[in-house]
Protein backbone atom coordinates (compact mmCIF):
# COMPACT_ATOMS: atom_id res chain seq x y z
CA UNK A 1 50.76 39.15 -9.47
CA UNK A 2 53.23 40.10 -6.72
CA UNK A 3 50.41 40.00 -4.15
CA UNK A 4 49.53 36.45 -5.17
CA UNK A 5 53.17 35.35 -4.87
CA UNK A 6 53.51 36.99 -1.43
CA UNK A 7 50.27 35.40 -0.16
CA UNK A 8 51.37 31.99 -1.48
CA UNK A 9 54.75 32.29 0.26
CA UNK A 10 53.07 33.32 3.54
CA UNK A 11 50.70 30.34 3.34
CA UNK A 12 53.61 27.97 2.72
CA UNK A 13 55.50 29.41 5.70
CA UNK A 14 52.41 29.03 7.91
CA UNK A 15 51.95 25.40 6.82
CA UNK A 16 55.62 24.66 7.46
CA UNK A 17 55.37 26.20 10.94
CA UNK A 18 52.39 23.97 11.78
CA UNK A 19 54.21 20.85 10.58
CA UNK A 20 57.31 21.72 12.63
CA UNK A 21 55.23 22.50 15.74
CA UNK A 22 53.36 19.18 15.64
CA UNK A 23 55.87 16.47 14.69
CA UNK A 24 54.40 12.99 14.79
CA UNK A 25 50.91 14.33 15.50
CA UNK A 26 49.58 14.77 11.98
CA UNK A 27 48.50 12.08 9.57
CA UNK A 28 49.01 13.62 6.15
CA UNK A 29 48.21 11.74 2.93
CA UNK A 30 47.98 8.42 4.77
CA UNK A 31 51.30 8.99 6.54
CA UNK A 32 50.15 7.57 9.88
CA UNK A 33 51.53 4.24 10.94
CA UNK A 34 48.79 1.81 11.95
CA UNK A 35 50.07 1.66 15.54
CA UNK A 36 49.88 5.48 15.77
CA UNK A 37 46.26 5.44 14.64
CA UNK A 38 45.45 2.60 17.06
CA UNK A 39 47.07 4.48 19.93
CA UNK A 40 45.08 7.61 19.16
CA UNK A 41 41.81 5.67 19.18
CA UNK A 42 42.57 3.65 22.31
CA UNK A 43 43.35 6.54 24.67
CA UNK A 44 39.75 7.06 25.77
CA UNK A 45 37.35 4.16 25.86
CA UNK A 46 34.01 4.10 27.61
CA UNK A 47 32.84 0.55 27.08
CA UNK A 48 29.75 -1.53 27.79
CA UNK A 49 29.50 -3.58 30.99
CA UNK A 50 29.89 -6.82 29.01
CA UNK A 51 33.02 -5.61 27.22
CA UNK A 52 34.42 -4.18 30.47
CA UNK A 53 34.01 -7.54 32.26
CA UNK A 54 35.39 -9.49 29.29
CA UNK A 55 38.49 -7.30 28.97
CA UNK A 56 39.08 -7.31 32.74
CA UNK A 57 38.78 -11.10 32.95
CA UNK A 58 41.19 -11.56 30.03
CA UNK A 59 43.85 -9.30 31.55
CA UNK A 60 46.81 -10.37 33.60
CA UNK A 61 46.25 -8.70 36.96
CA UNK A 62 49.95 -7.79 36.96
CA UNK A 63 49.28 -5.58 33.91
CA UNK A 64 45.90 -4.13 34.88
CA UNK A 65 44.39 -2.14 37.74
CA UNK A 66 40.71 -1.88 38.64
CA UNK A 67 39.89 1.53 40.16
CA UNK A 68 36.72 2.54 42.00
CA UNK A 69 36.50 6.35 42.07
CA UNK A 70 33.52 6.49 44.45
CA UNK A 71 33.59 7.68 48.05
CA UNK A 72 34.67 5.44 50.93
CA UNK A 73 31.02 5.02 51.98
CA UNK A 74 30.01 3.86 48.51
CA UNK A 75 33.05 1.59 48.32
CA UNK A 76 32.32 0.02 51.71
CA UNK A 77 28.70 -0.62 50.69
CA UNK A 78 29.97 -2.89 47.89
CA UNK A 79 32.67 -2.80 45.25
CA UNK A 80 34.07 -5.04 42.57
CA UNK A 81 36.50 -7.55 44.02
CA UNK A 82 40.09 -6.43 43.62
CA UNK A 83 39.22 -2.76 43.07
CA UNK A 84 41.46 -0.07 44.47
CA UNK A 85 39.48 2.88 45.86
CA UNK A 86 40.64 6.39 44.93
CA UNK A 87 37.95 8.90 45.98
CA UNK A 88 37.24 11.29 43.12
CA UNK A 89 36.29 14.01 45.62
CA UNK A 90 39.53 13.68 47.60
CA UNK A 91 41.85 16.70 47.36
CA UNK A 92 44.65 14.21 46.59
CA UNK A 93 42.79 12.48 43.75
CA UNK A 94 44.97 13.78 40.91
CA UNK A 95 48.16 13.27 42.94
CA UNK A 96 47.19 9.65 43.65
CA UNK A 97 46.61 9.02 39.95
CA UNK A 98 49.90 10.69 39.04
CA UNK A 99 51.80 8.12 41.18
CA UNK A 100 50.52 5.17 39.14
CA UNK A 101 52.38 3.29 36.40
CA UNK A 102 51.43 4.67 32.99
CA UNK A 103 52.32 1.40 31.27
CA UNK A 104 49.49 -0.55 32.90
CA UNK A 105 45.92 -0.81 31.72
CA UNK A 106 43.29 0.81 33.92
CA UNK A 107 39.66 -0.16 34.37
CA UNK A 108 37.74 2.60 36.13
CA UNK A 109 34.19 2.84 37.41
CA UNK A 110 31.96 4.87 39.69
CA UNK A 111 28.28 4.80 40.61
CA UNK A 112 26.75 6.03 37.34
CA UNK A 113 29.62 6.79 34.95
CA UNK A 114 29.95 10.54 35.55
CA UNK A 115 32.95 10.59 37.92
CA UNK A 116 34.75 7.81 36.07
CA UNK A 117 34.25 9.70 32.80
CA UNK A 118 35.86 12.76 34.38
CA UNK A 119 38.63 10.58 35.86
CA UNK A 120 39.26 9.18 32.38
CA UNK A 121 39.92 12.71 31.10
CA UNK A 122 42.23 13.51 34.03
CA UNK A 123 44.19 10.30 33.48
CA UNK A 124 44.54 11.10 29.78
CA UNK A 125 45.90 14.54 30.68
CA UNK A 126 48.40 12.83 33.02
CA UNK A 127 49.70 10.68 30.17
CA UNK A 128 47.85 7.39 30.66
CA UNK A 129 47.10 5.66 27.37
CA UNK A 130 45.17 2.50 28.23
CA UNK A 131 42.02 3.35 30.15
CA UNK A 132 38.65 1.60 30.08
CA UNK A 133 35.67 3.36 31.67
CA UNK A 134 32.57 1.37 32.64
CA UNK A 135 29.58 2.87 30.82
CA UNK A 136 26.70 3.48 33.24
CA UNK A 137 28.84 2.77 36.30
CA UNK A 138 28.21 0.04 38.84
CA UNK A 139 24.46 0.73 39.01
CA UNK A 140 24.10 0.23 35.27
CA UNK A 141 26.37 -2.80 35.15
CA UNK A 142 25.32 -4.69 38.27
CA UNK A 143 27.23 -7.85 39.09
CA UNK A 144 29.33 -8.16 35.92
CA UNK A 145 32.25 -8.84 38.27
CA UNK A 146 32.14 -10.35 41.75
CA UNK A 147 31.05 -7.76 44.32
CA UNK A 148 32.70 -7.72 47.71
């Protein structure tokens, strides 16, 4: 009987330690606020070309940034109008991202979706919360936005 009581106490202490270590991160018994759940689901979004174009066109350009993470050669060969180029392969890539306003919404793309998918993860790690990645990249999407 004493063993059962000791094990129960240890389990309760372990559970309490987890709850203290992760304040605001756990949704227990429906305790999440709807905005918390929405924020968790909106951090990473790879979206279809149609949805990407629709969201971009609906956004105030003061609140949103279009980022091309391809190389300068790829960018010069044709990019979506208004896109800012930040070369994924540049040694300063992460530092360039870190300088940007985390309150804005970001629309990122590359050639096929691989680099922008990796950039999405990096941006999430840097604390960005509103990021839209173009599924399939510019080759899969084509001229969903004007190309310059």
